[in-house]
Amino acid sequence: MTKEYKTIIEISGPLIFIEKTEPVGYGELVNINLPDGSSKRGQVLDTSADIVAVQVFEGTGGLNEESGVVFTGETIKLPVSKDMLGRILSGSGEPLDGGPRIVPEDRIDVNGASMNPYSRMPPEEFIQTGISTIDGTNTLVRGQKLPIFSGSGLPHNEIALQIARQAKVPGSEEAFAVVFAAMGITNEEAQYFMEDFEKTGALERAVVFLNLADDPAVERIITPRMALTAAEYLAYEHDMHVLVILTDITNYCEALRQMGAAREEVPGRRGYPGYMYTDLASLYERAGVIKGRKGSVTQFSILTMPGDDITHPIPDLSGYITEGQIVVSRELHRKGIYPPINVLPSLSRLMNSGIGAGKTRDDHKAVSDQMYAGYAEGRDLRGLVAIVGKEALSERDQRILEFADLFEDRFVRQGRNEDRSIEDTLNVAWSILSELPEALLTRVDNKFIEKYHPAHKKSN
């Protein structure tokens, strides 16, 4: 018979401390029986010979020293089934859509098994998001982890939903699914997400986890692990290619900081726990392609940079662990450009392995380099114009300056429901490059100019 302990000595925020227990495992699930007959769930956060610290999922309201604590001997497990597709669940895996509980094919530990580096395959298959600034200049590759660095008030949620709707592997008939996990969002945002998924039909191939702002911080720490466990199950048991979208990693890190403060840990940079790098790595590193398995897990994690500060610990540590970043620009947003993605500080480190002949198109790399170089020079010239005026520029510089405006207006700007194929994206790029004299296209091979330049196409 499972033993019940009534030895709570302290209740502090979301934590309770129990003494005089038998040996208890780290991460073990706990049932807490309240004096009024109700019960709550918790998880062992710290264990020693003298005292066990338990974090309570539903909050510690109503608990007192008379409450009974039962250690179950199990860790948190997610009930998984292919029937999860099309469902909207809470951050702890409970149905939010009015549907029945999931009848599990299996129950899997949410902490996952670490992936052996030797068994990882190098990512090399292109994923099309339908957004030109990602597909054209910062290409996402299957198995990659590519975060979106945004700021408060910027449309990162709209970008996330657009990617969830449009993402696909072109020319492939393989099963593709999206796992979408939102952490610390408001009820209004949750309604927006649910309506968009249902209205657009994207829900049919998606599993959605929603952790609300008024849910316990403890649940926020579990939510991304629930989502990644569901993704790994669909990828490695059902051979699906899964795109995981996590928003907002900043809310997740705030929950880590809150739990660290409740445990009276010695804080690290800006009050975040010193182990935040390792903790974030335990999420990001669950993306990849495994040798001998048909499925894959690709990750888009969205984080809002506090104060738009890219050196803040959260984006800083994320940049070390992940394979690049997509940066959302407040300046472009103020200009009314959607999606306001600034390609200059953005980077996809795996882009070159996922593009080219047979994957996207043979001219992709050259076009991307030329667009980037032209836009970077044009942005620099804007600063010069503010000092000396446009009339002081040479004709060449004026053409480059106009190119930067065209780049933002025709390449970056697109509709919220506009799904551009990689062909469309490259054709838009060529139409903008054709506004420059051919002598300025120094990064594009002549064979590509003859094959794809609109002026040459007409003459052919």
Protein backbone atom coordinates (compact mmCIF):
# COMPACT_ATOMS: atom_id res chain seq x y z
CA MET A 1 0.00 0.00 0.00
CA THR A 2 1.26 3.50 -0.91
CA LYS A 3 2.24 5.48 2.18
CA GLU A 4 0.74 8.92 2.89
CA TYR A 5 2.94 11.51 4.62
CA LYS A 6 1.49 14.30 6.76
CA THR A 7 4.86 15.90 7.43
CA ILE A 8 4.63 19.18 5.46
CA ILE A 9 6.86 21.68 7.26
CA GLU A 10 6.66 24.66 4.88
CA ILE A 11 4.51 26.00 2.04
CA SER A 12 6.30 28.61 -0.12
CA GLY A 13 4.67 29.92 -3.30
CA PRO A 14 4.15 26.90 -5.59
CA LEU A 15 6.39 24.67 -3.42
CA ILE A 16 5.81 22.47 -0.39
CA PHE A 17 8.55 20.92 1.72
CA ILE A 18 8.09 17.47 3.33
CA GLU A 19 10.36 15.87 5.92
CA LYS A 20 10.87 12.32 7.29
CA THR A 21 10.16 10.54 3.98
CA GLU A 22 11.59 7.33 2.60
CA PRO A 23 13.98 7.68 -0.41
CA VAL A 24 12.16 9.58 -3.19
CA GLY A 25 13.18 9.88 -6.86
CA TYR A 26 13.83 13.22 -8.61
CA GLY A 27 10.96 14.19 -10.95
CA GLU A 28 8.58 11.71 -9.29
CA LEU A 29 4.83 12.47 -9.47
CA VAL A 30 3.03 13.31 -6.24
CA ASN A 31 -0.65 13.24 -5.20
CA ILE A 32 -1.61 15.70 -2.46
CA ASN A 33 -4.83 15.04 -0.54
CA LEU A 34 -6.38 18.19 0.98
CA PRO A 35 -8.37 18.17 4.25
CA ASP A 36 -11.59 18.99 2.32
CA GLY A 37 -11.31 15.75 0.33
CA SER A 38 -10.03 17.28 -2.94
CA SER A 39 -6.61 16.47 -4.38
CA LYS A 40 -3.82 18.17 -6.31
CA ARG A 41 -0.87 16.94 -8.32
CA GLY A 42 2.78 17.81 -7.94
CA GLN A 43 6.29 16.79 -8.93
CA VAL A 44 9.45 16.27 -6.88
CA LEU A 45 11.77 19.18 -7.58
CA ASP A 46 14.49 18.50 -5.03
CA THR A 47 15.22 15.45 -2.90
CA SER A 48 17.64 14.84 -0.03
CA ALA A 49 17.97 12.61 3.03
CA ASP A 50 16.12 15.15 5.19
CA ILE A 51 13.66 17.16 3.07
CA VAL A 52 11.80 16.72 -0.25
CA ALA A 53 10.68 19.82 -2.21
CA VAL A 54 7.53 19.34 -4.34
CA GLN A 55 6.19 21.81 -6.92
CA VAL A 56 2.37 21.78 -6.99
CA PHE A 57 0.78 22.06 -10.45
CA GLU A 58 -2.53 23.59 -9.41
CA GLY A 59 -1.01 26.05 -6.90
CA THR A 60 -0.76 25.66 -3.12
CA GLY A 61 -4.03 27.43 -2.18
CA GLY A 62 -5.94 25.46 0.48
CA LEU A 63 -2.94 23.34 1.51
CA ASN A 64 -1.88 23.11 5.14
CA GLU A 65 0.17 20.85 7.44
CA GLU A 66 -2.74 18.38 7.62
CA SER A 67 -2.60 17.69 3.86
CA GLY A 68 -1.41 14.19 2.97
CA VAL A 69 1.36 13.61 0.41
CA VAL A 70 1.59 10.35 -1.58
CA PHE A 71 4.63 9.60 -3.79
CA THR A 72 3.53 7.57 -6.83
CA GLY A 73 6.93 6.27 -7.95
CA GLU A 74 6.20 7.45 -11.55
CA THR A 75 7.48 10.39 -13.62
CA ILE A 76 5.25 12.62 -15.81
CA LYS A 77 4.13 10.68 -18.86
CA LEU A 78 2.11 11.89 -21.87
CA PRO A 79 -0.60 9.55 -23.20
CA VAL A 80 0.08 9.44 -26.95
CA SER A 81 -1.90 8.27 -29.96
CA LYS A 82 -2.19 9.21 -33.63
CA ASP A 83 -5.66 10.51 -32.66
CA MET A 84 -3.87 13.50 -31.07
CA LEU A 85 -3.86 15.11 -34.53
CA GLY A 86 -6.68 17.63 -34.74
CA ARG A 87 -6.85 18.12 -30.96
CA ILE A 88 -6.38 21.21 -28.76
CA LEU A 89 -4.95 20.32 -25.33
CA SER A 90 -3.95 22.22 -22.20
CA GLY A 91 -0.29 22.68 -21.25
CA SER A 92 -0.53 19.49 -19.18
CA GLY A 93 -2.18 17.44 -21.96
CA GLU A 94 -5.86 17.71 -20.90
CA PRO A 95 -8.47 18.30 -23.68
CA LEU A 96 -9.54 21.95 -24.14
CA ASP A 97 -11.65 21.41 -27.26
CA GLY A 98 -14.60 19.66 -25.58
CA GLY A 99 -13.53 16.32 -27.04
CA PRO A 100 -12.91 13.10 -25.10
CA ARG A 101 -9.63 12.23 -23.39
CA ILE A 102 -7.08 10.65 -25.72
CA VAL A 103 -7.15 6.84 -25.60
CA PRO A 104 -3.40 6.16 -25.44
CA GLU A 105 -1.46 3.76 -27.63
CA ASP A 106 1.46 4.40 -25.27
CA ARG A 107 2.52 6.58 -22.34
CA ILE A 108 5.90 8.30 -22.81
CA ASP A 109 8.11 10.14 -20.31
CA VAL A 110 7.94 13.85 -21.24
CA ASN A 111 11.66 14.38 -20.60
CA GLY A 112 12.49 12.27 -23.66
CA ALA A 113 15.59 10.22 -24.35
CA SER A 114 18.71 12.14 -25.34
CA MET A 115 19.69 11.66 -28.97
CA ASN A 116 23.04 9.96 -29.59
CA PRO A 117 25.14 12.41 -31.68
CA TYR A 118 26.43 9.51 -33.78
CA SER A 119 22.88 8.53 -34.79
CA ARG A 120 22.00 12.03 -36.01
CA MET A 121 21.77 12.58 -39.76
CA PRO A 122 22.98 15.92 -41.15
CA PRO A 123 19.84 17.94 -42.09
CA GLU A 124 19.63 18.57 -45.84
CA GLU A 125 15.99 18.57 -47.00
CA PHE A 126 14.30 21.91 -47.72
CA ILE A 127 11.08 22.84 -45.88
CA GLN A 128 8.95 25.46 -47.63
CA THR A 129 7.23 27.92 -45.28
CA GLY A 130 5.74 30.06 -48.06
CA ILE A 131 7.47 33.16 -46.59
CA SER A 132 10.09 34.60 -48.97
CA THR A 133 12.42 36.06 -46.32
CA ILE A 134 12.74 32.59 -44.76
CA ASP A 135 12.67 30.37 -47.87
CA GLY A 136 14.77 32.67 -50.04
CA THR A 137 17.46 34.01 -47.72
CA ASN A 138 17.28 32.01 -44.44
CA THR A 139 16.13 28.60 -45.57
CA LEU A 140 14.71 26.12 -43.05
CA VAL A 141 15.99 22.55 -43.40
CA ARG A 142 14.30 19.40 -42.11
CA GLY A 143 15.65 18.53 -38.65
CA GLN A 144 16.88 22.08 -37.97
CA LYS A 145 16.20 24.23 -34.90
CA LEU A 146 15.73 27.84 -36.02
CA PRO A 147 14.42 30.39 -33.48
CA ILE A 148 12.52 33.59 -34.30
CA PHE A 149 13.80 36.58 -32.29
CA SER A 150 10.99 39.09 -31.89
CA GLY A 151 9.90 41.91 -29.57
CA SER A 152 6.76 42.68 -27.63
CA GLY A 153 3.94 43.98 -29.82
CA LEU A 154 5.42 42.56 -33.04
CA PRO A 155 3.38 40.09 -35.14
CA HIS A 156 5.38 36.94 -34.27
CA ASN A 157 2.18 35.02 -33.47
CA GLU A 158 0.78 35.78 -36.93
CA ILE A 159 4.07 34.61 -38.50
CA ALA A 160 3.94 31.43 -36.39
CA LEU A 161 0.37 30.68 -37.50
CA GLN A 162 1.23 31.39 -41.14
CA ILE A 163 4.14 28.94 -40.95
CA ALA A 164 1.88 26.36 -39.23
CA ARG A 165 -0.65 26.68 -42.06
CA GLN A 166 1.77 26.72 -44.98
CA ALA A 167 4.80 24.59 -44.06
CA LYS A 168 5.39 21.63 -46.37
CA VAL A 169 8.09 19.68 -48.16
CA PRO A 170 7.44 20.47 -51.85
CA GLY A 171 7.08 17.48 -54.16
CA SER A 172 6.85 15.07 -51.23
CA GLU A 173 3.88 12.87 -50.42
CA GLU A 174 5.20 12.02 -46.95
CA ALA A 175 2.99 12.71 -43.93
CA PHE A 176 3.64 16.18 -42.49
CA ALA A 177 2.32 17.38 -39.11
CA VAL A 178 2.61 20.48 -36.92
CA VAL A 179 2.86 20.50 -33.12
CA PHE A 180 2.07 23.97 -31.80
CA ALA A 181 2.74 24.85 -28.15
CA ALA A 182 1.91 28.26 -26.67
CA MET A 183 3.21 29.14 -23.19
CA GLY A 184 1.96 31.90 -20.91
CA ILE A 185 -0.48 33.36 -23.45
CA THR A 186 -3.60 35.37 -22.59
CA ASN A 187 -7.12 33.99 -23.03
CA GLU A 188 -7.57 36.39 -25.95
CA GLU A 189 -4.48 35.00 -27.71
CA ALA A 190 -5.65 31.43 -27.00
CA GLN A 191 -9.02 32.16 -28.67
CA TYR A 192 -7.19 33.71 -31.64
CA PHE A 193 -4.97 30.63 -32.05
CA MET A 194 -7.86 28.17 -31.73
CA GLU A 195 -10.09 30.07 -34.19
CA ASP A 196 -7.29 30.38 -36.75
CA PHE A 197 -6.44 26.68 -36.59
CA GLU A 198 -10.10 25.65 -36.91
CA LYS A 199 -11.05 28.22 -39.57
CA THR A 200 -8.11 27.50 -41.89
CA GLY A 201 -8.29 23.72 -41.58
CA ALA A 202 -4.68 23.58 -40.31
CA LEU A 203 -5.95 21.80 -37.18
CA GLU A 204 -6.48 18.55 -39.12
CA ARG A 205 -2.73 17.91 -39.21
CA ALA A 206 -1.84 19.67 -35.95
CA VAL A 207 -1.61 18.99 -32.21
CA VAL A 208 -2.04 22.19 -30.18
CA PHE A 209 -0.94 22.67 -26.55
CA LEU A 210 -2.09 25.90 -24.86
CA ASN A 211 -0.72 27.03 -21.48
CA LEU A 212 -2.49 30.22 -20.39
CA ALA A 213 -1.03 33.15 -18.45
CA ASP A 214 -3.20 32.33 -15.42
CA ASP A 215 -2.12 28.67 -15.40
CA PRO A 216 0.56 27.71 -12.85
CA ALA A 217 4.18 28.50 -13.78
CA VAL A 218 5.00 24.87 -13.08
CA GLU A 219 2.77 23.76 -15.98
CA ARG A 220 4.61 26.21 -18.26
CA ILE A 221 7.81 24.26 -17.68
CA ILE A 222 6.11 21.00 -18.71
CA THR A 223 4.26 22.34 -21.80
CA PRO A 224 7.17 22.37 -24.31
CA ARG A 225 8.23 18.91 -23.11
CA MET A 226 4.68 17.63 -23.71
CA ALA A 227 4.77 19.10 -27.23
CA LEU A 228 8.19 17.64 -28.06
CA THR A 229 7.16 14.23 -26.71
CA ALA A 230 4.10 14.26 -28.98
CA ALA A 231 6.31 15.33 -31.91
CA GLU A 232 8.87 12.56 -31.29
CA TYR A 233 6.10 9.98 -31.06
CA LEU A 234 4.54 11.06 -34.40
CA ALA A 235 7.99 11.28 -36.04
CA TYR A 236 9.62 8.08 -34.85
CA GLU A 237 6.62 5.79 -34.35
CA HIS A 238 4.44 6.96 -37.28
CA ASP A 239 7.18 8.12 -39.72
CA MET A 240 5.79 11.66 -39.93
CA HIS A 241 7.79 14.82 -40.55
CA VAL A 242 6.89 17.13 -37.69
CA LEU A 243 7.37 20.89 -37.39
CA VAL A 244 7.28 22.02 -33.73
CA ILE A 245 6.44 25.68 -33.07
CA LEU A 246 7.08 26.88 -29.50
CA THR A 247 5.88 30.35 -28.47
CA ASP A 248 6.97 32.13 -26.31
CA ILE A 249 10.28 30.81 -24.93
CA THR A 250 10.63 34.04 -22.90
CA ASN A 251 7.52 33.12 -20.86
CA TYR A 252 9.05 29.68 -20.31
CA CYS A 253 12.29 31.24 -19.00
CA GLU A 254 10.30 33.59 -16.73
CA ALA A 255 8.67 30.48 -15.22
CA LEU A 256 12.16 28.99 -14.66
CA ARG A 257 13.20 32.21 -12.90
CA GLN A 258 10.03 32.15 -10.77
CA MET A 259 10.64 28.54 -9.72
CA GLY A 260 14.30 29.32 -8.98
CA ALA A 261 13.28 32.21 -6.73
CA ALA A 262 10.75 29.99 -4.90
CA ARG A 263 13.54 27.44 -4.26
CA GLU A 264 15.83 30.27 -3.08
CA GLU A 265 18.49 29.34 -5.62
CA VAL A 266 21.48 31.60 -6.20
CA PRO A 267 20.49 33.53 -9.35
CA GLY A 268 22.63 33.92 -12.48
CA ARG A 269 22.48 36.69 -15.12
CA ARG A 270 19.51 39.04 -14.59
CA GLY A 271 18.02 36.72 -12.00
CA TYR A 272 17.66 33.72 -14.33
CA PRO A 273 18.92 30.39 -12.95
CA GLY A 274 22.50 29.46 -13.76
CA TYR A 275 21.35 26.21 -15.40
CA MET A 276 19.14 27.99 -17.98
CA TYR A 277 21.57 27.17 -20.83
CA THR A 278 21.35 23.44 -20.05
CA ASP A 279 17.59 23.63 -19.60
CA LEU A 280 17.05 25.36 -22.95
CA ALA A 281 19.43 22.89 -24.62
CA SER A 282 17.29 20.02 -23.29
CA LEU A 283 14.42 21.47 -25.40
CA TYR A 284 16.25 22.64 -28.52
CA GLU A 285 18.36 19.50 -28.88
CA ARG A 286 15.23 17.36 -29.28
CA ALA A 287 15.11 18.38 -32.95
CA GLY A 288 16.80 16.29 -35.59
CA VAL A 289 16.81 13.39 -38.03
CA ILE A 290 17.85 9.94 -36.78
CA LYS A 291 19.61 7.35 -38.96
CA GLY A 292 17.30 4.49 -39.89
CA ARG A 293 14.13 6.43 -39.00
CA LYS A 294 11.88 7.92 -41.68
CA GLY A 295 10.42 10.72 -39.53
CA SER A 296 12.02 13.98 -38.39
CA VAL A 297 11.49 16.76 -35.85
CA THR A 298 12.12 20.38 -36.92
CA GLN A 299 11.81 23.30 -34.49
CA PHE A 300 10.73 26.93 -34.74
CA SER A 301 10.93 28.47 -31.26
CA ILE A 302 9.73 32.06 -30.91
CA LEU A 303 11.10 34.32 -28.21
CA THR A 304 10.39 37.98 -27.48
CA MET A 305 13.57 39.85 -26.59
CA PRO A 306 12.94 41.99 -23.47
CA GLY A 307 13.56 45.60 -24.48
CA ASP A 308 14.44 44.39 -28.04
CA ASP A 309 17.85 43.50 -26.58
CA ILE A 310 19.49 40.73 -28.61
CA THR A 311 22.22 40.45 -25.93
CA HIS A 312 19.63 39.54 -23.26
CA PRO A 313 20.37 36.10 -21.70
CA ILE A 314 17.41 34.35 -23.40
CA PRO A 315 18.24 35.20 -27.07
CA ASP A 316 21.95 35.09 -26.25
CA LEU A 317 21.87 31.51 -24.93
CA SER A 318 19.38 30.43 -27.63
CA GLY A 319 21.76 31.69 -30.30
CA TYR A 320 24.54 29.46 -28.95
CA ILE A 321 22.41 26.31 -29.02
CA THR A 322 20.39 26.72 -32.22
CA GLU A 323 21.36 26.83 -35.90
CA GLY A 324 20.77 30.49 -36.67
CA GLN A 325 17.93 32.93 -36.03
CA ILE A 326 15.16 34.85 -37.82
CA VAL A 327 14.98 38.45 -36.52
CA VAL A 328 11.67 40.36 -36.56
CA SER A 329 12.25 44.10 -37.05
CA ARG A 330 10.36 46.88 -35.26
CA GLU A 331 11.50 49.35 -37.96
CA LEU A 332 9.90 47.31 -40.77
CA HIS A 333 6.77 46.83 -38.65
CA ARG A 334 6.46 50.61 -38.23
CA LYS A 335 6.62 50.93 -42.03
CA GLY A 336 3.57 48.66 -42.25
CA ILE A 337 5.52 45.79 -43.84
CA TYR A 338 4.39 42.23 -43.04
CA PRO A 339 6.12 39.94 -42.23
CA PRO A 340 8.64 42.43 -40.76
CA ILE A 341 11.63 40.06 -40.99
CA ASN A 342 15.02 41.77 -41.23
CA VAL A 343 17.25 39.48 -43.31
CA LEU A 344 20.52 41.25 -42.38
CA PRO A 345 20.92 39.98 -38.78
CA SER A 346 18.98 36.80 -39.64
CA LEU A 347 20.90 33.61 -40.41
CA SER A 348 20.26 29.96 -41.17
CA ARG A 349 23.50 28.03 -40.62
CA LEU A 350 22.19 24.94 -42.42
CA MET A 351 20.82 26.80 -45.44
CA ASN A 352 23.57 25.78 -47.86
CA SER A 353 22.98 22.07 -47.26
CA GLY A 354 19.26 22.37 -48.10
CA ILE A 355 19.28 24.44 -51.31
CA GLY A 356 20.53 24.13 -54.87
CA ALA A 357 19.78 21.96 -57.89
CA GLY A 358 17.48 19.04 -57.07
CA LYS A 359 16.42 20.63 -53.76
CA THR A 360 15.23 24.16 -54.53
CA ARG A 361 16.78 25.62 -57.70
CA ASP A 362 20.31 25.88 -59.06
CA ASP A 363 20.38 29.71 -58.84
CA HIS A 364 19.14 29.89 -55.22
CA LYS A 365 22.48 30.49 -53.46
CA ALA A 366 23.67 33.11 -55.95
CA VAL A 367 20.36 35.00 -55.91
CA SER A 368 20.24 34.97 -52.11
CA ASP A 369 23.83 36.31 -51.86
CA GLN A 370 23.15 39.06 -54.41
CA MET A 371 19.89 40.15 -52.73
CA TYR A 372 21.57 40.23 -49.32
CA ALA A 373 24.58 42.24 -50.59
CA GLY A 374 22.39 44.75 -52.44
CA TYR A 375 20.04 45.27 -49.49
CA ALA A 376 22.93 45.62 -47.00
CA GLU A 377 24.57 48.31 -49.17
CA GLY A 378 21.23 50.05 -49.71
CA ARG A 379 20.59 50.19 -45.95
CA ASP A 380 24.05 51.75 -45.43
CA LEU A 381 23.31 54.34 -48.12
CA ARG A 382 20.10 55.37 -46.29
CA GLY A 383 22.30 56.50 -43.42
CA LEU A 384 24.49 58.47 -45.83
CA VAL A 385 21.45 60.12 -47.50
CA ALA A 386 20.28 61.38 -44.09
CA ILE A 387 23.59 63.31 -43.86
CA VAL A 388 24.46 64.46 -47.42
CA GLY A 389 21.11 64.18 -49.25
CA LYS A 390 20.09 61.95 -52.14
CA GLU A 391 21.41 64.35 -54.80
CA ALA A 392 25.00 63.85 -53.60
CA LEU A 393 24.89 60.13 -54.47
CA SER A 394 26.30 58.73 -57.71
CA GLU A 395 23.87 57.16 -60.18
CA ARG A 396 25.08 53.69 -59.12
CA ASP A 397 24.39 54.45 -55.46
CA GLN A 398 20.95 55.82 -56.28
CA ARG A 399 20.08 52.56 -58.08
CA ILE A 400 21.23 50.55 -55.03
CA LEU A 401 19.16 52.82 -52.75
CA GLU A 402 16.04 52.19 -54.89
CA PHE A 403 16.84 48.46 -54.82
CA ALA A 404 16.65 48.44 -50.99
CA ASP A 405 13.16 49.99 -51.15
CA LEU A 406 12.04 47.47 -53.79
CA PHE A 407 13.46 44.62 -51.71
CA GLU A 408 11.34 45.63 -48.70
CA ASP A 409 8.22 46.39 -50.74
CA ARG A 410 8.16 43.36 -53.06
CA PHE A 411 10.33 40.63 -51.53
CA VAL A 412 9.83 41.11 -47.77
CA ARG A 413 6.22 42.32 -47.93
CA GLN A 414 3.59 39.67 -48.59
CA GLY A 415 0.03 38.89 -47.55
CA ARG A 416 -0.83 37.06 -44.31
CA ASN A 417 -2.38 34.29 -46.40
CA GLU A 418 0.05 34.49 -49.32
CA ASP A 419 1.79 31.14 -49.72
CA ARG A 420 4.73 31.63 -52.10
CA SER A 421 6.40 28.57 -53.56
CA ILE A 422 10.20 28.64 -53.75
CA GLU A 423 9.82 29.24 -57.53
CA ASP A 424 7.62 32.29 -56.82
CA THR A 425 10.13 33.60 -54.27
CA LEU A 426 13.09 33.28 -56.66
CA ASN A 427 11.09 34.81 -59.53
CA VAL A 428 10.19 37.81 -57.34
CA ALA A 429 13.89 38.12 -56.50
CA TRP A 430 14.86 38.13 -60.19
CA SER A 431 12.21 40.76 -61.00
CA ILE A 432 13.83 43.04 -58.37
CA LEU A 433 17.40 42.23 -59.49
CA SER A 434 16.42 43.11 -63.06
CA GLU A 435 16.02 46.75 -61.89
CA LEU A 436 19.80 46.87 -61.37
CA PRO A 437 22.33 47.10 -64.25
CA GLU A 438 23.73 43.64 -65.02
CA ALA A 439 27.23 44.96 -64.24
CA LEU A 440 26.19 45.26 -60.58
CA LEU A 441 25.12 41.59 -60.34
CA THR A 442 28.63 40.57 -59.28
CA ARG A 443 27.55 37.61 -57.13
CA VAL A 444 25.50 35.87 -59.81
CA ASP A 445 27.13 33.65 -62.44
CA ASN A 446 26.49 34.66 -66.06
CA LYS A 447 24.85 31.30 -66.80
CA PHE A 448 22.13 32.09 -64.21
CA ILE A 449 21.66 35.60 -65.62
CA GLU A 450 21.14 34.14 -69.12
CA LYS A 451 18.77 31.47 -67.78
CA TYR A 452 16.62 33.43 -65.29
CA HIS A 453 17.05 37.21 -65.86
CA PRO A 454 13.71 38.56 -67.18
CA ALA A 455 15.47 40.53 -69.98
CA HIS A 456 17.17 37.35 -71.26
CA LYS A 457 14.02 35.26 -70.87
CA LYS A 458 12.15 37.64 -73.22
CA SER A 459 14.93 37.49 -75.81
CA ASN A 460 14.94 33.69 -75.62
